[in-house]
Protein backbone atom coordinates (compact mmCIF):
# COMPACT_ATOMS: atom_id res chain seq x y z
CA MET A 1 100.21 93.89 123.78
CA SER A 2 102.58 91.47 125.44
CA PHE A 3 106.33 91.58 125.06
CA SER A 4 106.35 88.52 122.82
CA GLN A 5 103.67 89.97 120.57
CA ALA A 6 105.56 93.27 120.33
CA TRP A 7 108.82 91.43 119.61
CA ASP A 8 107.17 89.36 116.87
CA ALA A 9 105.48 92.38 115.30
CA GLY A 10 108.69 94.40 115.49
CA PHE A 11 110.71 91.62 113.86
CA ARG A 12 108.16 91.28 111.08
CA ALA A 13 108.19 95.06 110.61
CA VAL A 14 111.98 94.91 110.16
CA LEU A 15 111.53 92.12 107.61
CA ILE A 16 108.97 94.24 105.77
CA TYR A 17 111.44 97.15 105.75
CA ILE A 18 114.20 94.94 104.34
CA GLY A 19 111.86 93.43 101.75
CA VAL A 20 110.74 96.86 100.58
CA VAL A 21 114.37 97.97 100.27
CA PHE A 22 115.31 94.97 98.14
CA ALA A 23 112.20 95.28 95.98
CA TRP A 24 112.77 99.00 95.59
CA LEU A 25 116.40 98.62 94.59
CA GLY A 26 115.56 95.88 92.11
CA LEU A 27 112.38 97.22 90.58
CA VAL A 28 111.81 100.93 91.23
CA GLU A 29 115.13 102.74 91.60
CA GLN A 30 115.86 102.66 87.89
CA TYR A 31 112.93 105.03 87.27
CA PHE A 32 114.45 107.81 89.41
CA GLY A 33 116.86 110.29 87.88
CA SER A 34 118.68 110.88 91.16
CA GLN A 35 119.87 108.04 93.34
CA SER A 36 119.76 110.17 96.50
CA VAL A 37 116.10 111.07 95.91
CA SER A 38 115.34 107.42 95.30
CA VAL A 39 116.99 106.42 98.59
CA VAL A 40 115.05 109.06 100.54
CA VAL A 41 111.71 108.03 99.00
CA MET A 42 112.57 104.35 99.51
CA ASN A 43 113.26 104.88 103.20
CA VAL A 44 110.06 106.88 103.68
CA VAL A 45 107.99 104.18 101.97
CA ALA A 46 109.72 101.33 103.83
CA VAL A 47 109.38 103.00 107.24
CA ALA A 48 105.73 103.87 106.55
CA LEU A 49 104.87 100.29 105.60
CA ALA A 50 106.76 98.79 108.54
CA LEU A 51 105.17 101.24 110.98
CA ALA A 52 101.70 100.63 109.53
CA PHE A 53 102.18 96.88 109.97
CA PHE A 54 103.34 97.29 113.57
CA LEU A 55 100.45 99.61 114.47
CA ARG A 56 97.94 97.25 112.85
CA ALA A 57 99.40 94.30 114.78
CA ARG A 58 99.22 96.34 117.98
CA SER A 59 95.57 97.28 117.43
CA ARG A 60 94.71 93.63 116.72
CA ALA A 61 96.46 92.55 119.93
CA VAL A 62 94.66 95.20 121.98
CA ALA A 63 91.30 94.20 120.49
CA GLU A 64 92.01 90.53 121.14
CA ARG A 65 92.89 91.28 124.76
CA ALA A 66 89.71 93.33 125.20
CA ARG A 67 87.63 90.44 123.81
CA ALA A 68 89.33 87.98 126.15
CA GLU A 69 88.80 90.25 129.16
CA ALA A 70 85.13 90.69 128.23
CA GLU A 71 84.74 86.93 127.95
CA VAL A 72 86.34 86.38 131.36
CA ARG A 73 84.17 89.12 132.86
CA ALA A 74 81.06 87.47 131.41
CA LEU A 75 82.09 84.09 132.78
CA MET A 76 82.74 85.60 136.21
CA GLU A 77 79.31 87.26 136.24
CA GLU A 78 77.74 84.01 135.15
CA ALA A 79 79.42 82.12 137.98
CA VAL A 80 78.15 84.57 140.62
């Protein structure tokens, strides 16, 4: 994963975290009896979703790099 890919995935993960927080506060928090419990659960859910997105983006980038390296290797063998 290159720096730019990591930066992009990290930024999108932060946006996912912020989006989950806003959605949670607007739609879900009212169903919790305790605001502190709601905040803890919200943070766990938001971090889990952001981390899952980042790890998925990382695995896609690693797979894409492996495919590109295999293609270059095949072209090099073909040229020899």
